Amino acid sequence: MKITEAIEHYGKRVSVRCTDGEEITGKLDYYQTHADDADDAERIGIEEMPGFLTDIPIDEVESITPLA
């Protein structure tokens, strides 16, 4: 997945399917692009519960499904 596709869901509740089959559900709370830090991988952060963020490199994201 490309970071530009993930950014479309910023601030929304989503289900993220990772390339290893794991699913993570929560609010897409942040993203990091190469523009932010050219030496670090592009990534997204999912807030599964208040104060608990899961950091996922974008190359490990298979799909993002918006939830109601």
Protein backbone atom coordinates (compact mmCIF):
# COMPACT_ATOMS: atom_id res chain seq x y z
CA MET A 1 0.00 0.00 0.00
CA LYS A 2 1.14 3.55 -0.61
CA ILE A 3 1.20 6.13 2.17
CA THR A 4 -1.06 8.41 0.10
CA GLU A 5 -3.78 5.73 0.22
CA ALA A 6 -3.44 5.41 3.99
CA ILE A 7 -3.61 9.19 4.54
CA GLU A 8 -7.13 9.19 3.07
CA HIS A 9 -8.28 7.43 6.27
CA TYR A 10 -6.49 9.77 8.72
CA GLY A 11 -8.58 10.40 11.84
CA LYS A 12 -11.07 7.66 10.99
CA ARG A 13 -11.78 4.32 12.64
CA VAL A 14 -10.32 1.58 10.45
CA SER A 15 -9.39 -2.07 10.27
CA VAL A 16 -5.85 -2.64 9.01
CA ARG A 17 -4.90 -6.00 7.52
CA CYS A 18 -1.17 -6.60 7.61
CA THR A 19 0.80 -8.71 5.13
CA ASP A 20 1.26 -11.40 7.82
CA GLY A 21 -2.54 -11.70 8.22
CA GLU A 22 -2.80 -9.77 11.49
CA GLU A 23 -5.74 -7.34 11.77
CA ILE A 24 -5.57 -4.20 13.87
CA THR A 25 -8.64 -2.07 14.53
CA GLY A 26 -8.69 1.50 15.80
CA LYS A 27 -8.34 5.14 14.82
CA LEU A 28 -5.65 6.00 12.26
CA ASP A 29 -3.98 8.51 14.56
CA TYR A 30 -0.77 9.46 12.72
CA TYR A 31 1.37 8.83 9.69
CA GLN A 32 4.99 9.45 8.78
CA THR A 33 6.19 10.00 5.24
CA HIS A 34 9.69 10.22 3.79
CA ALA A 35 9.16 13.99 3.76
CA ASP A 36 9.09 13.87 7.58
CA ASP A 37 12.22 11.73 7.87
CA ALA A 38 13.97 10.46 4.74
CA ASP A 39 15.96 7.88 6.71
CA ASP A 40 12.98 6.20 8.37
CA ALA A 41 10.30 3.96 6.86
CA GLU A 42 6.91 5.40 6.01
CA ARG A 43 4.45 4.28 8.67
CA ILE A 44 1.03 4.69 10.20
CA GLY A 45 -0.10 4.62 13.82
CA ILE A 46 -3.34 3.01 14.95
CA GLU A 47 -4.81 3.97 18.32
CA GLU A 48 -6.44 0.73 19.44
CA MET A 49 -7.52 2.24 22.77
CA PRO A 50 -6.80 5.59 24.41
CA GLY A 51 -3.07 5.91 24.97
CA PHE A 52 -2.17 2.64 23.17
CA LEU A 53 -0.70 3.14 19.69
CA THR A 54 0.41 0.42 17.29
CA ASP A 55 3.07 1.55 14.82
CA ILE A 56 2.93 -0.21 11.42
CA PRO A 57 5.43 0.28 8.58
CA ILE A 58 3.43 1.05 5.42
CA ASP A 59 5.12 -1.77 3.47
CA GLU A 60 3.54 -4.22 5.96
CA VAL A 61 -0.01 -2.93 5.30
CA GLU A 62 -2.03 -5.06 2.90
CA SER A 63 -5.29 -3.11 3.16
CA ILE A 64 -7.21 -0.52 5.19
CA THR A 65 -10.97 -0.79 5.56
CA PRO A 66 -12.93 2.15 6.98
CA LEU A 67 -15.38 1.26 9.76
CA ALA A 68 -18.60 2.99 10.77
